[in-house]
PDB file of all heavy atoms in Angstrom:
ATOM      1  N   GLY A   1     114.836  95.557  75.433  1.00  0.00           N
ATOM      2  CA  GLY A   1     115.105  96.697  76.310  1.00  0.00           C
ATOM      3  C   GLY A   1     114.749  96.407  77.752  1.00  0.00           C
ATOM      4  O   GLY A   1     115.475  96.787  78.676  1.00  0.00           O
ATOM      5  N   GLU A   2     113.630  95.727  77.969  1.00  0.00           N
ATOM      6  CA  GLU A   2     113.224  95.378  79.332  1.00  0.00           C
ATOM      7  C   GLU A   2     114.180  94.363  79.944  1.00  0.00           C
ATOM      8  O   GLU A   2     114.460  94.411  81.151  1.00  0.00           O
ATOM      9  CB  GLU A   2     111.797  94.834  79.314  1.00  0.00           C
ATOM     10  CG  GLU A   2     110.758  95.900  79.035  1.00  0.00           C
ATOM     11  CD  GLU A   2     109.389  95.319  78.757  1.00  0.00           C
ATOM     12  OE1 GLU A   2     109.313  94.145  78.327  1.00  0.00           O
ATOM     13  OE2 GLU A   2     108.393  96.038  78.966  1.00  0.00           O
ATOM     14  N   TYR A   3     114.663  93.451  79.130  1.00  0.00           N
ATOM     15  CA  TYR A   3     115.644  92.486  79.635  1.00  0.00           C
ATOM     16  C   TYR A   3     116.917  93.186  80.091  1.00  0.00           C
ATOM     17  O   TYR A   3     117.442  92.910  81.185  1.00  0.00           O
ATOM     18  CB  TYR A   3     115.967  91.456  78.553  1.00  0.00           C
ATOM     19  CG  TYR A   3     117.031  90.470  78.958  1.00  0.00           C
ATOM     20  CD1 TYR A   3     116.725  89.391  79.780  1.00  0.00           C
ATOM     21  CD2 TYR A   3     118.355  90.631  78.547  1.00  0.00           C
ATOM     22  CE1 TYR A   3     117.703  88.490  80.171  1.00  0.00           C
ATOM     23  CE2 TYR A   3     119.336  89.732  78.936  1.00  0.00           C
ATOM     24  CZ  TYR A   3     118.999  88.656  79.744  1.00  0.00           C
ATOM     25  OH  TYR A   3     119.970  87.778  80.138  1.00  0.00           O
ATOM     26  N   LEU A   4     117.421  94.114  79.285  1.00  0.00           N
ATOM     27  CA  LEU A   4     118.633  94.847  79.657  1.00  0.00           C
ATOM     28  C   LEU A   4     118.393  95.702  80.893  1.00  0.00           C
ATOM     29  O   LEU A   4     119.271  95.828  81.752  1.00  0.00           O
ATOM     30  CB  LEU A   4     119.102  95.707  78.488  1.00  0.00           C
ATOM     31  CG  LEU A   4     119.618  94.938  77.264  1.00  0.00           C
ATOM     32  CD1 LEU A   4     119.929  95.908  76.128  1.00  0.00           C
ATOM     33  CD2 LEU A   4     120.844  94.110  77.613  1.00  0.00           C
ATOM     34  N   SER A   5     117.196  96.285  80.997  1.00  0.00           N
ATOM     35  CA  SER A   5     116.862  97.068  82.185  1.00  0.00           C
ATOM     36  C   SER A   5     116.865  96.187  83.425  1.00  0.00           C
ATOM     37  O   SER A   5     117.363  96.587  84.490  1.00  0.00           O
ATOM     38  CB  SER A   5     115.491  97.717  82.010  1.00  0.00           C
ATOM     39  OG  SER A   5     115.095  98.398  83.180  1.00  0.00           O
ATOM     40  N   ARG A   6     116.329  94.979  83.303  1.00  0.00           N
ATOM     41  CA  ARG A   6     116.335  94.039  84.436  1.00  0.00           C
ATOM     42  C   ARG A   6     117.759  93.724  84.872  1.00  0.00           C
ATOM     43  O   ARG A   6     118.071  93.736  86.074  1.00  0.00           O
ATOM     44  CB  ARG A   6     115.610  92.743  84.040  1.00  0.00           C
ATOM     45  CG  ARG A   6     115.684  91.636  85.081  1.00  0.00           C
ATOM     46  CD  ARG A   6     115.049  90.358  84.559  1.00  0.00           C
ATOM     47  NE  ARG A   6     115.067  89.308  85.573  1.00  0.00           N
ATOM     48  CZ  ARG A   6     116.067  88.456  85.775  1.00  0.00           C
ATOM     49  NH1 ARG A   6     117.155  88.513  85.004  1.00  0.00           N
ATOM     50  NH2 ARG A   6     115.999  87.543  86.722  1.00  0.00           N
ATOM     51  N   GLU A   7     118.638  93.433  83.902  1.00  0.00           N
ATOM     52  CA  GLU A   7     120.016  93.104  84.240  1.00  0.00           C
ATOM     53  C   GLU A   7     120.721  94.297  84.897  1.00  0.00           C
ATOM     54  O   GLU A   7     121.497  94.130  85.844  1.00  0.00           O
ATOM     55  CB  GLU A   7     120.766  92.670  82.981  1.00  0.00           C
ATOM     56  CG  GLU A   7     120.235  91.383  82.354  1.00  0.00           C
ATOM     57  CD  GLU A   7     120.260  90.217  83.326  1.00  0.00           C
ATOM     58  OE1 GLU A   7     121.367  89.860  83.770  1.00  0.00           O
ATOM     59  OE2 GLU A   7     119.185  89.685  83.651  1.00  0.00           O
ATOM     60  N   TYR A   8     120.444  95.494  84.406  1.00  0.00           N
ATOM     61  CA  TYR A   8     121.037  96.691  84.998  1.00  0.00           C
ATOM     62  C   TYR A   8     120.572  96.865  86.445  1.00  0.00           C
ATOM     63  O   TYR A   8     121.379  97.146  87.340  1.00  0.00           O
ATOM     64  CB  TYR A   8     120.653  97.934  84.188  1.00  0.00           C
ATOM     65  CG  TYR A   8     121.131  99.223  84.817  1.00  0.00           C
ATOM     66  CD1 TYR A   8     122.421  99.693  84.592  1.00  0.00           C
ATOM     67  CD2 TYR A   8     120.300  99.957  85.664  1.00  0.00           C
ATOM     68  CE1 TYR A   8     122.862 100.860  85.188  1.00  0.00           C
ATOM     69  CE2 TYR A   8     120.732 101.117  86.267  1.00  0.00           C
ATOM     70  CZ  TYR A   8     122.021 101.567  86.023  1.00  0.00           C
ATOM     71  OH  TYR A   8     122.453 102.715  86.624  1.00  0.00           O
ATOM     72  N   LYS A   9     119.275  96.680  86.686  1.00  0.00           N
ATOM     73  CA  LYS A   9     118.740  96.846  88.039  1.00  0.00           C
ATOM     74  C   LYS A   9     119.341  95.832  89.005  1.00  0.00           C
ATOM     75  O   LYS A   9     119.649  96.166  90.163  1.00  0.00           O
ATOM     76  CB  LYS A   9     117.221  96.724  88.018  1.00  0.00           C
ATOM     77  CG  LYS A   9     116.513  97.887  87.354  1.00  0.00           C
ATOM     78  CD  LYS A   9     115.014  97.635  87.275  1.00  0.00           C
ATOM     79  CE  LYS A   9     114.296  98.779  86.601  1.00  0.00           C
ATOM     80  NZ  LYS A   9     112.842  98.491  86.446  1.00  0.00           N
ATOM     81  N   LEU A  10     119.506  94.596  88.544  1.00  0.00           N
ATOM     82  CA  LEU A  10     120.127  93.583  89.401  1.00  0.00           C
ATOM     83  C   LEU A  10     121.572  93.942  89.718  1.00  0.00           C
ATOM     84  O   LEU A  10     122.033  93.774  90.852  1.00  0.00           O
ATOM     85  CB  LEU A  10     120.055  92.215  88.724  1.00  0.00           C
ATOM     86  CG  LEU A  10     118.686  91.547  88.689  1.00  0.00           C
ATOM     87  CD1 LEU A  10     118.713  90.300  87.816  1.00  0.00           C
ATOM     88  CD2 LEU A  10     118.207  91.201  90.094  1.00  0.00           C
ATOM     89  N   GLY A  11     122.291  94.440  88.714  1.00  0.00           N
ATOM     90  CA  GLY A  11     123.668  94.861  88.952  1.00  0.00           C
ATOM     91  C   GLY A  11     123.746  96.057  89.882  1.00  0.00           C
ATOM     92  O   GLY A  11     124.590  96.112  90.783  1.00  0.00           O
ATOM     93  N   TYR A  12     122.836  97.016  89.686  1.00  0.00           N
ATOM     94  CA  TYR A  12     122.806  98.213  90.535  1.00  0.00           C
ATOM     95  C   TYR A  12     122.510  97.841  91.985  1.00  0.00           C
ATOM     96  O   TYR A  12     123.097  98.392  92.919  1.00  0.00           O
ATOM     97  CB  TYR A  12     121.735  99.168  90.013  1.00  0.00           C
ATOM     98  CG  TYR A  12     121.610 100.445  90.809  1.00  0.00           C
ATOM     99  CD1 TYR A  12     122.435 101.537  90.547  1.00  0.00           C
ATOM    100  CD2 TYR A  12     120.663 100.568  91.825  1.00  0.00           C
ATOM    101  CE1 TYR A  12     122.322 102.713  91.278  1.00  0.00           C
ATOM    102  CE2 TYR A  12     120.549 101.730  92.559  1.00  0.00           C
ATOM    103  CZ  TYR A  12     121.373 102.801  92.280  1.00  0.00           C
ATOM    104  OH  TYR A  12     121.259 103.964  93.006  1.00  0.00           O
ATOM    105  N   ALA A  13     121.597  96.874  92.176  1.00  0.00           N
ATOM    106  CA  ALA A  13     121.201  96.474  93.532  1.00  0.00           C
ATOM    107  C   ALA A  13     122.220  95.583  94.213  1.00  0.00           C
ATOM    108  O   ALA A  13     122.164  95.388  95.431  1.00  0.00           O
ATOM    109  CB  ALA A  13     119.849  95.761  93.482  1.00  0.00           C
ATOM    110  N   ALA A  14     123.170  95.035  93.451  1.00  0.00           N
ATOM    111  CA  ALA A  14     124.090  94.033  93.994  1.00  0.00           C
ATOM    112  C   ALA A  14     124.949  94.577  95.132  1.00  0.00           C
ATOM    113  O   ALA A  14     125.246  93.859  96.096  1.00  0.00           O
ATOM    114  CB  ALA A  14     124.978  93.480  92.889  1.00  0.00           C
ATOM    115  N   ALA A  15     125.354  95.848  95.030  1.00  0.00           N
ATOM    116  CA  ALA A  15     126.217  96.412  96.072  1.00  0.00           C
ATOM    117  C   ALA A  15     125.487  96.502  97.412  1.00  0.00           C
ATOM    118  O   ALA A  15     126.020  96.098  98.456  1.00  0.00           O
ATOM    119  CB  ALA A  15     126.730  97.780  95.644  1.00  0.00           C
ATOM    120  N   GLY A  16     124.260  97.019  97.399  1.00  0.00           N
ATOM    121  CA  GLY A  16     123.486  97.097  98.640  1.00  0.00           C
ATOM    122  C   GLY A  16     123.163  95.731  99.197  1.00  0.00           C
ATOM    123  O   GLY A  16     123.160  95.525 100.421  1.00  0.00           O
ATOM    124  N   PHE A  17     122.917  94.782  98.326  1.00  0.00           N
ATOM    125  CA  PHE A  17     122.682  93.392  98.729  1.00  0.00           C
ATOM    126  C   PHE A  17     123.916  92.845  99.435  1.00  0.00           C
ATOM    127  O   PHE A  17     123.829  92.238 100.515  1.00  0.00           O
ATOM    128  CB  PHE A  17     122.339  92.590  97.473  1.00  0.00           C
ATOM    129  CG  PHE A  17     122.335  91.092  97.643  1.00  0.00           C
ATOM    130  CD1 PHE A  17     121.620  90.485  98.656  1.00  0.00           C
ATOM    131  CD2 PHE A  17     123.034  90.295  96.748  1.00  0.00           C
ATOM    132  CE1 PHE A  17     121.606  89.096  98.788  1.00  0.00           C
ATOM    133  CE2 PHE A  17     123.021  88.917  96.868  1.00  0.00           C
ATOM    134  CZ  PHE A  17     122.319  88.318  97.901  1.00  0.00           C
ATOM    135  N   ALA A  18     125.088  93.075  98.860  1.00  0.00           N
ATOM    136  CA  ALA A  18     126.329  92.545  99.437  1.00  0.00           C
ATOM    137  C   ALA A  18     126.658  93.220 100.762  1.00  0.00           C
ATOM    138  O   ALA A  18     127.178  92.574 101.677  1.00  0.00           O
ATOM    139  CB  ALA A  18     127.471  92.724  98.452  1.00  0.00           C
ATOM    140  N   ARG A  19     126.394  94.505 100.870  1.00  0.00           N
ATOM    141  CA  ARG A  19     126.678  95.207 102.136  1.00  0.00           C
ATOM    142  C   ARG A  19     125.738  94.745 103.240  1.00  0.00           C
ATOM    143  O   ARG A  19     126.126  94.665 104.405  1.00  0.00           O
ATOM    144  CB  ARG A  19     126.551  96.717 101.943  1.00  0.00           C
ATOM    145  CG  ARG A  19     127.628  97.334 101.073  1.00  0.00           C
ATOM    146  CD  ARG A  19     127.585  98.855 101.125  1.00  0.00           C
ATOM    147  NE  ARG A  19     128.593  99.436 100.237  1.00  0.00           N
ATOM    148  CZ  ARG A  19     128.348  99.881  99.015  1.00  0.00           C
ATOM    149  NH1 ARG A  19     127.099  99.826  98.534  1.00  0.00           N
ATOM    150  NH2 ARG A  19     129.305 100.392  98.265  1.00  0.00           N
ATOM    151  N   THR A  20     124.486  94.453 102.891  1.00  0.00           N
ATOM    152  CA  THR A  20     123.493  94.079 103.890  1.00  0.00           C
ATOM    153  C   THR A  20     123.646  92.628 104.326  1.00  0.00           C
ATOM    154  O   THR A  20     123.559  92.313 105.522  1.00  0.00           O
ATOM    155  CB  THR A  20     122.069  94.307 103.329  1.00  0.00           C
ATOM    156  OG1 THR A  20     121.951  95.654 102.867  1.00  0.00           O
ATOM    157  CG2 THR A  20     121.018  94.048 104.401  1.00  0.00           C
ATOM    158  N   THR A  21     123.861  91.728 103.363  1.00  0.00           N
ATOM    159  CA  THR A  21     123.975  90.302 103.669  1.00  0.00           C
ATOM    160  C   THR A  21     125.182  89.722 102.929  1.00  0.00           C
ATOM    161  O   THR A  21     125.022  89.007 101.931  1.00  0.00           O
ATOM    162  CB  THR A  21     122.688  89.556 103.268  1.00  0.00           C
ATOM    163  OG1 THR A  21     122.431  89.782 101.871  1.00  0.00           O
ATOM    164  CG2 THR A  21     121.502  90.015 104.073  1.00  0.00           C
ATOM    165  N   PRO A  22     126.400  90.022 103.382  1.00  0.00           N
ATOM    166  CA  PRO A  22     127.599  89.623 102.648  1.00  0.00           C
ATOM    167  C   PRO A  22     127.744  88.103 102.481  1.00  0.00           C
ATOM    168  O   PRO A  22     128.238  87.642 101.452  1.00  0.00           O
ATOM    169  CB  PRO A  22     128.743  90.204 103.477  1.00  0.00           C
ATOM    170  CG  PRO A  22     128.167  90.474 104.833  1.00  0.00           C
ATOM    171  CD  PRO A  22     126.734  90.803 104.598  1.00  0.00           C
ATOM    172  N   GLU A  23     127.334  87.332 103.485  1.00  0.00           N
ATOM    173  CA  GLU A  23     127.492  85.886 103.384  1.00  0.00           C
ATOM    174  C   GLU A  23     126.635  85.323 102.248  1.00  0.00           C
ATOM    175  O   GLU A  23     127.104  84.512 101.428  1.00  0.00           O
ATOM    176  CB  GLU A  23     127.128  85.204 104.701  1.00  0.00           C
ATOM    177  CG  GLU A  23     127.384  83.703 104.685  1.00  0.00           C
ATOM    178  CD  GLU A  23     127.004  83.041 105.993  1.00  0.00           C
ATOM    179  OE1 GLU A  23     126.449  83.709 106.880  1.00  0.00           O
ATOM    180  OE2 GLU A  23     127.254  81.820 106.116  1.00  0.00           O
ATOM    181  N   CYS A  24     125.385  85.740 102.183  1.00  0.00           N
ATOM    182  CA  CYS A  24     124.496  85.266 101.131  1.00  0.00           C
ATOM    183  C   CYS A  24     124.967  85.765  99.765  1.00  0.00           C
ATOM    184  O   CYS A  24     124.963  85.007  98.782  1.00  0.00           O
ATOM    185  CB  CYS A  24     123.068  85.733 101.386  1.00  0.00           C
ATOM    186  SG  CYS A  24     121.885  85.221 100.113  1.00  0.00           S
ATOM    187  N   ALA A  25     125.380  87.016  99.691  1.00  0.00           N
ATOM    188  CA  ALA A  25     125.849  87.574  98.419  1.00  0.00           C
ATOM    189  C   ALA A  25     127.051  86.799  97.904  1.00  0.00           C
ATOM    190  O   ALA A  25     127.160  86.519  96.703  1.00  0.00           O
ATOM    191  CB  ALA A  25     126.185  89.049  98.589  1.00  0.00           C
ATOM    192  N   GLY A  26     127.967  86.444  98.803  1.00  0.00           N
ATOM    193  CA  GLY A  26     129.129  85.678  98.405  1.00  0.00           C
ATOM    194  C   GLY A  26     128.766  84.292  97.922  1.00  0.00           C
ATOM    195  O   GLY A  26     129.305  83.798  96.928  1.00  0.00           O
ATOM    196  N   ALA A  27     127.806  83.651  98.611  1.00  0.00           N
ATOM    197  CA  ALA A  27     127.378  82.317  98.211  1.00  0.00           C
ATOM    198  C   ALA A  27     126.641  82.350  96.882  1.00  0.00           C
ATOM    199  O   ALA A  27     126.745  81.420  96.076  1.00  0.00           O
ATOM    200  CB  ALA A  27     126.470  81.726  99.288  1.00  0.00           C
ATOM    201  N   LEU A  28     125.912  83.432  96.628  1.00  0.00           N
ATOM    202  CA  LEU A  28     125.142  83.536  95.388  1.00  0.00           C
ATOM    203  C   LEU A  28     126.031  83.784  94.183  1.00  0.00           C
ATOM    204  O   LEU A  28     125.869  83.155  93.132  1.00  0.00           O
ATOM    205  CB  LEU A  28     124.113  84.656  95.517  1.00  0.00           C
ATOM    206  CG  LEU A  28     123.151  84.844  94.341  1.00  0.00           C
ATOM    207  CD1 LEU A  28     122.209  83.651  94.233  1.00  0.00           C
ATOM    208  CD2 LEU A  28     122.350  86.131  94.494  1.00  0.00           C
ATOM    209  N   SER A  29     126.990  84.692  94.318  1.00  0.00           N
ATOM    210  CA  SER A  29     127.800  85.102  93.166  1.00  0.00           C
ATOM    211  C   SER A  29     129.146  84.383  93.091  1.00  0.00           C
ATOM    212  O   SER A  29     129.797  84.392  92.043  1.00  0.00           O
ATOM    213  CB  SER A  29     128.049  86.613  93.215  1.00  0.00           C
ATOM    214  OG  SER A  29     128.814  86.961  94.356  1.00  0.00           O
ATOM    215  N   GLY A  30     129.600  83.818  94.218  1.00  0.00           N
ATOM    216  CA  GLY A  30     130.892  83.144  94.228  1.00  0.00           C
ATOM    217  C   GLY A  30     132.075  84.089  94.257  1.00  0.00           C
ATOM    218  O   GLY A  30     133.212  83.675  94.008  1.00  0.00           O
ATOM    219  N   ARG A  31     131.826  85.351  94.571  1.00  0.00           N
ATOM    220  CA  ARG A  31     132.919  86.323  94.650  1.00  0.00           C
ATOM    221  C   ARG A  31     132.476  87.507  95.507  1.00  0.00           C
ATOM    222  O   ARG A  31     131.302  87.650  95.830  1.00  0.00           O
ATOM    223  CB  ARG A  31     133.325  86.803  93.259  1.00  0.00           C
ATOM    224  CG  ARG A  31     132.238  87.528  92.487  1.00  0.00           C
ATOM    225  CD  ARG A  31     132.699  87.800  91.062  1.00  0.00           C
ATOM    226  NE  ARG A  31     131.831  88.713  90.360  1.00  0.00           N
ATOM    227  CZ  ARG A  31     130.743  88.350  89.670  1.00  0.00           C
ATOM    228  NH1 ARG A  31     130.391  87.071  89.642  1.00  0.00           N
ATOM    229  NH2 ARG A  31     130.019  89.236  89.045  1.00  0.00           N
ATOM    230  N   ASP A  32     133.426  88.360  95.846  1.00  0.00           N
ATOM    231  CA  ASP A  32     133.142  89.558  96.630  1.00  0.00           C
ATOM    232  C   ASP A  32     132.886  90.717  95.669  1.00  0.00           C
ATOM    233  O   ASP A  32     133.808  91.304  95.126  1.00  0.00           O
ATOM    234  CB  ASP A  32     134.325  89.880  97.549  1.00  0.00           C
ATOM    235  CG  ASP A  32     134.107  91.137  98.381  1.00  0.00           C
ATOM    236  OD1 ASP A  32     132.974  91.683  98.344  1.00  0.00           O
ATOM    237  OD2 ASP A  32     135.059  91.565  99.064  1.00  0.00           O
ATOM    238  N   VAL A  33     131.601  91.054  95.482  1.00  0.00           N
ATOM    239  CA  VAL A  33     131.281  92.102  94.512  1.00  0.00           C
ATOM    240  C   VAL A  33     131.695  93.494  94.989  1.00  0.00           C
ATOM    241  O   VAL A  33     131.666  94.440  94.215  1.00  0.00           O
ATOM    242  CB  VAL A  33     129.775  92.091  94.177  1.00  0.00           C
ATOM    243  CG1 VAL A  33     129.365  90.762  93.585  1.00  0.00           C
ATOM    244  CG2 VAL A  33     128.928  92.423  95.393  1.00  0.00           C
ATOM    245  N   LEU A  34     132.096  93.630  96.276  1.00  0.00           N
ATOM    246  CA  LEU A  34     132.551  94.911  96.790  1.00  0.00           C
ATOM    247  C   LEU A  34     134.060  95.072  96.750  1.00  0.00           C
ATOM    248  O   LEU A  34     134.579  96.124  97.141  1.00  0.00           O
ATOM    249  CB  LEU A  34     132.048  95.091  98.233  1.00  0.00           C
ATOM    250  CG  LEU A  34     130.520  95.101  98.413  1.00  0.00           C
ATOM    251  CD1 LEU A  34     130.179  95.241  99.884  1.00  0.00           C
ATOM    252  CD2 LEU A  34     129.887  96.234  97.619  1.00  0.00           C
ATOM    253  N   ALA A  35     134.754  94.037  96.280  1.00  0.00           N
ATOM    254  CA  ALA A  35     136.208  94.153  96.168  1.00  0.00           C
ATOM    255  C   ALA A  35     136.594  95.225  95.152  1.00  0.00           C
ATOM    256  O   ALA A  35     135.850  95.506  94.213  1.00  0.00           O
ATOM    257  CB  ALA A  35     136.810  92.804  95.757  1.00  0.00           C
ATOM    258  N   ALA A  36     137.741  95.822  95.362  1.00  0.00           N
ATOM    259  CA  ALA A  36     138.171  96.924  94.497  1.00  0.00           C
ATOM    260  C   ALA A  36     138.192  96.526  93.030  1.00  0.00           C
ATOM    261  O   ALA A  36     137.772  97.281  92.139  1.00  0.00           O
ATOM    262  CB  ALA A  36     139.550  97.413  94.930  1.00  0.00           C
ATOM    263  N   GLY A  37     138.672  95.318  92.744  1.00  0.00           N
ATOM    264  CA  GLY A  37     138.733  94.870  91.361  1.00  0.00           C
ATOM    265  C   GLY A  37     137.357  94.714  90.737  1.00  0.00           C
ATOM    266  O   GLY A  37     137.148  95.050  89.571  1.00  0.00           O
ATOM    267  N   GLU A  38     136.401  94.217  91.528  1.00  0.00           N
ATOM    268  CA  GLU A  38     135.037  94.068  91.025  1.00  0.00           C
ATOM    269  C   GLU A  38     134.400  95.420  90.754  1.00  0.00           C
ATOM    270  O   GLU A  38     133.721  95.613  89.738  1.00  0.00           O
ATOM    271  CB  GLU A  38     134.208  93.292  92.037  1.00  0.00           C
ATOM    272  CG  GLU A  38     134.558  91.824  92.167  1.00  0.00           C
ATOM    273  CD  GLU A  38     134.083  91.011  90.980  1.00  0.00           C
ATOM    274  OE1 GLU A  38     133.148  91.446  90.274  1.00  0.00           O
ATOM    275  OE2 GLU A  38     134.662  89.938  90.722  1.00  0.00           O
ATOM    276  N   ILE A  39     134.612  96.355  91.669  1.00  0.00           N
ATOM    277  CA  ILE A  39     134.034  97.698  91.496  1.00  0.00           C
ATOM    278  C   ILE A  39     134.634  98.375  90.271  1.00  0.00           C
ATOM    279  O   ILE A  39     133.920  99.011  89.471  1.00  0.00           O
ATOM    280  CB  ILE A  39     134.240  98.538  92.758  1.00  0.00           C
ATOM    281  CG1 ILE A  39     133.416  97.948  93.909  1.00  0.00           C
ATOM    282  CG2 ILE A  39     133.860  99.993  92.502  1.00  0.00           C
ATOM    283  CD1 ILE A  39     133.672  98.590  95.243  1.00  0.00           C
ATOM    284  N   ALA A  40     135.923  98.221  90.090  1.00  0.00           N
ATOM    285  CA  ALA A  40     136.567  98.817  88.921  1.00  0.00           C
ATOM    286  C   ALA A  40     136.020  98.203  87.634  1.00  0.00           C
ATOM    287  O   ALA A  40     135.792  98.882  86.636  1.00  0.00           O
ATOM    288  CB  ALA A  40     138.087  98.631  89.004  1.00  0.00           C
ATOM    289  N   TYR A  41     135.806  96.893  87.668  1.00  0.00           N
ATOM    290  CA  TYR A  41     135.263  96.204  86.502  1.00  0.00           C
ATOM    291  C   TYR A  41     133.858  96.702  86.187  1.00  0.00           C
ATOM    292  O   TYR A  41     133.507  96.956  85.045  1.00  0.00           O
ATOM    293  CB  TYR A  41     135.254  94.691  86.748  1.00  0.00           C
ATOM    294  CG  TYR A  41     134.522  93.894  85.702  1.00  0.00           C
ATOM    295  CD1 TYR A  41     135.102  93.640  84.455  1.00  0.00           C
ATOM    296  CD2 TYR A  41     133.248  93.401  85.956  1.00  0.00           C
ATOM    297  CE1 TYR A  41     134.418  92.901  83.511  1.00  0.00           C
ATOM    298  CE2 TYR A  41     132.560  92.659  85.006  1.00  0.00           C
ATOM    299  CZ  TYR A  41     133.151  92.431  83.777  1.00  0.00           C
ATOM    300  OH  TYR A  41     132.468  91.709  82.822  1.00  0.00           O
TER     301      TYR A  41
END
């Protein structure tokens, strides 16, 4: 349960991370997590 909570928190925080530092977020994940397709997914 704690592992799943950790993964959820990282996913929840990813949008704010990408908005604040888009270059680093892109280099870390290899994609644009704010793109419409990613958000829909």
